[in-house]
């Protein structure tokens, strides 16, 4: 599944490209999108300059939802450190910001696993009233400059845990999410988090997380208000489902989303046998390899099931996840 279109709605608002000549005409009811076209970048435009134009607008403080698209279409693998720093520095102007999507980039612009992110925790620190954060792209999302494993670990430890009292939604979309991010999220102090979505992805593209990295989430000790748990696009979905089958978190949440992965009968049967699905309102496994017979078993638990996009392992020459490169 390639991400081929930009989003049209975000945080309950229609998305509109920001035109600096037009300005902010309806900031409270619009999710403004900042992005560069190739032609604009060739003419010398930069994302930071575009952001500056928005920050200069007298209505900037009324912007509640912001979408960041392609920040460098000429060098589309360039990192995001500069724009993240500029966004953090602009928090004294974007005083009403509640929702941020960082990385609304299609595969035509840059494949998801080539999107070079950076550490996004400065955004959380700069915007204490932020409620929704969505990030696309896994490469360099740790934002570390070290090269050896021990140096990387030391830089991550030095940051400490993530603390944010207002965040309700946290989403990392990736073709391969590094375990350092999964560990940081698992250890985060987010008392009001209701929606957590991690696209775990492929090991080939950096998705090296394991069940152990998810332990605080599965144990139910993290995120006391969590209602939706999405562990999506996982290439070890059967092992994940087996671990989830008797995990305490299933007795607390309303929605479990294992979609976009390669779930098969083994994991689905484990979920049925665990006996905890009846407490869920919704189970989403779309893009899966579960047999029709076992799908019937899932339906018999009474859970509202999304089992669309059933795949055939023989037709697909093996199992694959929906989003990788």
Protein backbone atom coordinates (compact mmCIF):
# COMPACT_ATOMS: atom_id res chain seq x y z
CA UNK A 1 0.00 0.00 0.00
CA UNK A 2 1.65 3.19 -1.15
CA UNK A 3 0.57 6.50 0.37
CA UNK A 4 -0.44 8.25 -2.81
CA UNK A 5 -2.53 11.21 -1.67
CA UNK A 6 -2.22 14.05 0.77
CA UNK A 7 -4.74 14.15 3.58
CA UNK A 8 -7.85 16.23 3.01
CA UNK A 9 -8.97 16.44 6.64
CA UNK A 10 -7.05 16.68 9.89
CA UNK A 11 -8.27 17.16 13.45
CA UNK A 12 -11.82 17.51 12.19
CA UNK A 13 -10.94 20.33 9.82
CA UNK A 14 -10.49 20.51 6.03
CA UNK A 15 -6.86 20.83 4.97
CA UNK A 16 -5.93 23.86 2.88
CA UNK A 17 -2.51 24.82 1.53
CA UNK A 18 -1.26 28.01 3.12
CA UNK A 19 -0.95 30.83 0.58
CA UNK A 20 1.24 33.59 2.04
CA UNK A 21 -0.30 36.15 -0.30
CA UNK A 22 -3.82 35.24 0.85
CA UNK A 23 -2.92 34.82 4.50
CA UNK A 24 -4.89 33.03 7.22
CA UNK A 25 -8.53 33.58 6.31
CA UNK A 26 -10.22 31.00 8.54
CA UNK A 27 -7.58 29.80 11.01
CA UNK A 28 -9.82 28.26 13.66
CA UNK A 29 -11.77 26.05 11.24
CA UNK A 30 -8.97 25.11 8.83
CA UNK A 31 -5.95 22.83 9.06
CA UNK A 32 -3.36 24.80 7.14
CA UNK A 33 -0.71 22.85 5.25
CA UNK A 34 2.82 24.11 4.69
CA UNK A 35 4.67 22.37 1.86
CA UNK A 36 7.08 23.17 -0.93
CA UNK A 37 6.69 22.21 -4.56
CA UNK A 38 9.73 21.30 -6.60
CA UNK A 39 9.41 24.44 -8.71
CA UNK A 40 9.13 26.68 -5.67
CA UNK A 41 12.21 25.11 -4.12
CA UNK A 42 14.14 25.55 -7.37
CA UNK A 43 13.24 29.24 -7.25
CA UNK A 44 14.79 29.47 -3.78
CA UNK A 45 11.77 29.02 -1.51
CA UNK A 46 12.40 27.31 1.84
CA UNK A 47 10.08 25.77 4.38
CA UNK A 48 11.40 27.98 7.16
CA UNK A 49 10.66 31.10 5.10
CA UNK A 50 7.13 29.82 4.42
CA UNK A 51 6.63 29.17 8.14
CA UNK A 52 7.91 32.68 8.90
CA UNK A 53 5.22 34.14 6.64
CA UNK A 54 2.57 32.27 8.61
CA UNK A 55 4.07 33.35 11.93
CA UNK A 56 3.94 36.98 10.77
CA UNK A 57 0.20 36.75 10.09
CA UNK A 58 -1.83 38.57 12.78
CA UNK A 59 -4.23 35.59 12.97
CA UNK A 60 -1.44 33.08 13.63
CA UNK A 61 -2.48 32.60 17.25
CA UNK A 62 -5.86 31.27 16.10
CA UNK A 63 -4.37 28.34 14.15
CA UNK A 64 -5.29 25.14 15.97
CA UNK A 65 -4.33 22.50 13.38
CA UNK A 66 -1.19 22.49 11.24
CA UNK A 67 0.07 20.06 8.59
CA UNK A 68 3.70 19.99 7.49
CA UNK A 69 4.30 18.49 4.06
CA UNK A 70 7.44 18.15 1.95
CA UNK A 71 10.07 20.47 3.37
CA UNK A 72 12.75 19.89 0.72
CA UNK A 73 11.52 18.40 -2.57
CA UNK A 74 14.88 18.87 -4.28
CA UNK A 75 16.82 16.92 -1.66
CA UNK A 76 13.88 14.85 -0.47
CA UNK A 77 16.00 12.80 1.90
CA UNK A 78 17.17 15.84 3.86
CA UNK A 79 16.48 15.84 7.58
CA UNK A 80 13.81 17.79 9.38
CA UNK A 81 15.89 19.33 12.17
CA UNK A 82 15.65 22.90 10.85
CA UNK A 83 11.89 22.99 10.47
CA UNK A 84 11.36 21.26 13.83
CA UNK A 85 13.57 23.87 15.49
CA UNK A 86 11.70 26.68 13.73
CA UNK A 87 8.33 25.27 14.79
CA UNK A 88 9.50 25.01 18.38
CA UNK A 89 10.83 28.56 18.29
CA UNK A 90 7.52 29.79 16.89
CA UNK A 91 5.45 28.53 19.81
CA UNK A 92 5.09 32.07 21.16
CA UNK A 93 3.12 32.90 18.00
CA UNK A 94 1.30 29.62 17.42
CA UNK A 95 -0.30 29.89 20.83
CA UNK A 96 -3.50 28.05 19.86
CA UNK A 97 -1.90 25.01 18.23
CA UNK A 98 -3.58 21.77 19.31
CA UNK A 99 -2.89 19.37 16.43
CA UNK A 100 0.21 18.82 14.30
CA UNK A 101 0.79 16.34 11.47
CA UNK A 102 4.46 16.33 10.57
CA UNK A 103 5.20 14.56 7.30
CA UNK A 104 2.20 14.66 4.95
CA UNK A 105 4.36 13.31 2.13
CA UNK A 106 3.28 10.93 -0.63
CA UNK A 107 5.37 8.18 -2.20
CA UNK A 108 5.73 10.30 -5.36
CA UNK A 109 7.50 12.90 -3.24
CA UNK A 110 9.47 10.49 -1.06
CA UNK A 111 8.98 6.86 -0.02
CA UNK A 112 7.89 6.62 3.62
CA UNK A 113 11.06 4.84 4.78
CA UNK A 114 13.23 7.46 3.08
CA UNK A 115 11.60 10.39 4.86
CA UNK A 116 14.36 11.61 7.14
CA UNK A 117 12.82 12.82 10.36
CA UNK A 118 14.47 14.05 13.52
CA UNK A 119 13.77 14.13 17.25
CA UNK A 120 10.26 15.57 17.65
CA UNK A 121 10.34 15.96 21.44
CA UNK A 122 11.14 19.70 21.12
CA UNK A 123 7.62 20.08 19.75
CA UNK A 124 6.14 18.46 22.85
CA UNK A 125 8.25 20.68 25.06
CA UNK A 126 7.35 23.87 23.16
CA UNK A 127 3.61 23.21 22.93
CA UNK A 128 2.24 22.12 26.32
CA UNK A 129 -1.34 22.42 25.05
CA UNK A 130 -0.81 20.16 22.04
CA UNK A 131 -3.40 17.37 21.93
CA UNK A 132 -2.65 15.51 18.69
CA UNK A 133 0.76 14.67 17.20
CA UNK A 134 1.12 12.57 14.05
CA UNK A 135 4.52 11.88 12.51
CA UNK A 136 5.25 10.09 9.22
CA UNK A 137 8.66 8.63 8.43
CA UNK A 138 10.97 6.50 10.52
CA UNK A 139 14.49 7.27 9.31
CA UNK A 140 16.41 9.35 11.87
CA UNK A 141 13.28 9.97 13.92
CA UNK A 142 15.47 9.42 16.98
CA UNK A 143 17.39 12.55 15.92
CA UNK A 144 20.73 11.27 17.19
CA UNK A 145 24.11 12.19 15.72
CA UNK A 146 26.08 9.28 17.17
CA UNK A 147 27.15 6.30 15.11
CA UNK A 148 27.97 3.46 17.51
CA UNK A 149 25.17 1.63 19.41
CA UNK A 150 26.55 2.66 22.79
CA UNK A 151 26.72 6.33 21.79
CA UNK A 152 23.19 6.22 20.41
CA UNK A 153 21.91 4.67 23.65
CA UNK A 154 23.69 7.32 25.70
CA UNK A 155 22.15 10.19 23.72
CA UNK A 156 18.68 8.71 24.11
CA UNK A 157 19.16 8.19 27.87
CA UNK A 158 20.33 11.78 28.25
CA UNK A 159 16.98 13.05 27.02
CA UNK A 160 15.06 11.37 29.78
CA UNK A 161 11.46 10.29 29.53
CA UNK A 162 8.81 12.07 27.50
CA UNK A 163 6.37 14.04 29.66
CA UNK A 164 3.28 15.78 28.32
CA UNK A 165 0.08 16.38 30.22
CA UNK A 166 -2.18 17.35 27.33
CA UNK A 167 -1.43 14.90 24.52
CA UNK A 168 -4.42 12.73 23.57
CA UNK A 169 -3.25 11.27 20.26
CA UNK A 170 0.22 10.07 19.29
CA UNK A 171 0.86 8.45 15.91
CA UNK A 172 4.12 7.29 14.31
CA UNK A 173 3.69 6.11 10.72
CA UNK A 174 6.70 4.27 9.38
CA UNK A 175 7.81 1.44 7.14
CA UNK A 176 10.21 0.47 9.92
CA UNK A 177 9.97 2.08 13.36
CA UNK A 178 13.21 1.92 15.41
CA UNK A 179 12.98 0.19 18.77
CA UNK A 180 14.44 3.28 20.43
CA UNK A 181 11.23 5.14 19.53
CA UNK A 182 9.03 2.27 20.71
CA UNK A 183 10.92 2.20 24.00
CA UNK A 184 10.68 5.97 24.42
CA UNK A 185 6.94 5.91 23.79
CA UNK A 186 6.44 2.92 26.09
CA UNK A 187 8.20 4.77 28.90
CA UNK A 188 6.53 8.13 28.25
CA UNK A 189 4.42 9.87 30.87
CA UNK A 190 1.28 10.77 28.92
CA UNK A 191 -1.57 10.67 31.45
CA UNK A 192 -4.26 11.83 29.01
CA UNK A 193 -3.28 9.75 25.99
CA UNK A 194 -6.33 8.10 24.42
CA UNK A 195 -5.07 7.07 20.98
CA UNK A 196 -1.67 5.43 20.41
CA UNK A 197 -0.72 4.22 16.94
CA UNK A 198 2.65 2.73 16.02
CA UNK A 199 3.41 1.42 12.53
CA UNK A 200 6.10 -1.11 13.45
CA UNK A 201 7.08 -1.96 9.89
CA UNK A 202 9.84 -4.13 8.49
CA UNK A 203 13.22 -5.00 9.89
CA UNK A 204 14.68 -4.33 6.47
CA UNK A 205 13.70 -0.68 6.84
CA UNK A 206 14.76 -0.26 10.46
CA UNK A 207 11.80 -1.76 12.32
CA UNK A 208 13.74 -3.63 14.98
CA UNK A 209 11.31 -3.44 17.93
CA UNK A 210 10.34 -6.60 19.82
CA UNK A 211 7.60 -7.71 22.20
CA UNK A 212 9.83 -6.75 25.13
CA UNK A 213 9.97 -3.15 23.91
CA UNK A 214 6.17 -3.00 24.08
CA UNK A 215 5.95 -4.57 27.55
CA UNK A 216 4.85 -1.45 29.49
CA UNK A 217 2.03 -0.90 26.98
CA UNK A 218 0.85 -4.52 26.92
CA UNK A 219 0.95 -4.71 30.71
CA UNK A 220 -1.55 -1.89 30.97
CA UNK A 221 0.67 0.12 33.30
CA UNK A 222 1.19 2.90 30.74
CA UNK A 223 -1.41 5.43 29.60
CA UNK A 224 -4.33 5.07 32.02
CA UNK A 225 -6.85 6.70 29.64
CA UNK A 226 -5.92 4.75 26.51
CA UNK A 227 -8.93 3.73 24.41
CA UNK A 228 -7.34 2.90 21.05
CA UNK A 229 -4.18 0.86 20.60
CA UNK A 230 -2.86 0.50 17.07
CA UNK A 231 0.16 -1.77 16.59
CA UNK A 232 -0.05 -1.73 12.83
CA UNK A 233 1.98 -2.80 9.82
CA UNK A 234 3.77 -5.48 11.84
CA UNK A 235 5.72 -8.24 10.09
CA UNK A 236 5.58 -10.43 13.23
CA UNK A 237 1.85 -9.97 13.73
CA UNK A 238 1.20 -13.55 14.87
CA UNK A 239 3.70 -13.25 17.72
CA UNK A 240 2.27 -9.84 18.59
CA UNK A 241 -1.31 -11.13 18.66
CA UNK A 242 -0.24 -14.09 20.80
CA UNK A 243 1.36 -11.73 23.32
CA UNK A 244 -1.74 -9.53 23.27
CA UNK A 245 -4.16 -12.42 23.79
CA UNK A 246 -3.86 -12.41 27.57
CA UNK A 247 -2.28 -8.97 27.99
CA UNK A 248 -3.93 -6.76 30.64
CA UNK A 249 -4.21 -3.87 28.17
CA UNK A 250 -6.97 -5.73 26.29
CA UNK A 251 -9.18 -5.47 29.34
CA UNK A 252 -8.92 -1.66 29.33
CA UNK A 253 -9.07 -0.44 25.73
CA UNK A 254 -12.01 -0.15 23.36
CA UNK A 255 -10.24 -0.64 20.01
CA UNK A 256 -7.37 -2.91 19.03
CA UNK A 257 -5.93 -2.21 15.59
CA UNK A 258 -3.57 -4.82 14.11
CA UNK A 259 -4.23 -3.81 10.51
CA UNK A 260 -1.73 -3.49 7.65
CA UNK A 261 0.31 -6.41 9.01
CA UNK A 262 0.63 -10.07 8.10
CA UNK A 263 -1.64 -11.60 10.75
CA UNK A 264 -2.50 -15.26 10.12
CA UNK A 265 -4.46 -18.04 11.78
CA UNK A 266 -1.93 -18.58 14.56
CA UNK A 267 -2.30 -15.07 15.95
CA UNK A 268 -6.04 -14.85 15.34
CA UNK A 269 -6.69 -18.17 17.12
CA UNK A 270 -4.58 -16.97 20.05
CA UNK A 271 -6.75 -13.87 20.32
CA UNK A 272 -9.89 -15.99 20.31
CA UNK A 273 -8.49 -18.39 22.90
CA UNK A 274 -7.42 -15.56 25.18
CA UNK A 275 -11.06 -14.73 25.84
CA UNK A 276 -10.52 -10.98 26.07
CA UNK A 277 -11.99 -9.87 22.75
CA UNK A 278 -15.52 -9.67 24.14
CA UNK A 279 -14.48 -6.62 26.13
CA UNK A 280 -13.44 -4.75 23.01
CA UNK A 281 -15.76 -2.59 20.95
CA UNK A 282 -13.73 -2.98 17.78
CA UNK A 283 -10.98 -5.17 16.32
CA UNK A 284 -9.34 -4.08 13.05
CA UNK A 285 -7.15 -6.58 11.21
CA UNK A 286 -7.65 -5.42 7.61
CA UNK A 287 -4.84 -6.56 5.31
CA UNK A 288 -4.43 -10.03 6.82
CA UNK A 289 -3.84 -13.72 6.03
CA UNK A 290 -6.49 -15.23 8.31
CA UNK A 291 -8.62 -18.05 6.90
CA UNK A 292 -12.37 -17.67 6.47
CA UNK A 293 -13.00 -20.28 9.16
CA UNK A 294 -10.98 -18.40 11.76
CA UNK A 295 -12.56 -15.10 10.71
CA UNK A 296 -15.90 -16.71 11.61
CA UNK A 297 -14.43 -17.55 15.00
CA UNK A 298 -13.44 -13.91 15.52
CA UNK A 299 -16.96 -12.80 14.61
CA UNK A 300 -18.42 -15.26 17.10
CA UNK A 301 -16.70 -13.38 19.94
CA UNK A 302 -19.13 -10.52 19.32
CA UNK A 303 -16.46 -7.93 18.59
CA UNK A 304 -17.08 -5.41 15.80
CA UNK A 305 -14.57 -6.77 13.28
CA UNK A 306 -12.92 -5.17 10.26
CA UNK A 307 -11.40 -8.04 8.32
CA UNK A 308 -11.33 -6.45 4.87
CA UNK A 309 -8.50 -6.95 2.38
CA UNK A 310 -8.03 -10.66 3.07
CA UNK A 311 -4.80 -11.77 1.42
CA UNK A 312 -3.80 -15.13 -0.03
CA UNK A 313 -0.31 -16.22 0.93
CA UNK A 314 0.13 -18.30 -2.20
CA UNK A 315 -1.03 -15.47 -4.46
CA UNK A 316 1.27 -13.01 -2.71
CA UNK A 317 4.24 -15.42 -2.79
CA UNK A 318 4.44 -15.29 0.99
CA UNK A 319 3.14 -12.84 3.54
CA UNK A 320 3.94 -9.17 3.47
CA UNK A 321 2.98 -6.06 5.35
CA UNK A 322 1.15 -3.23 3.64
CA UNK A 323 3.72 -0.44 4.16
CA UNK A 324 7.47 -0.96 4.12
CA UNK A 325 9.61 0.99 1.65
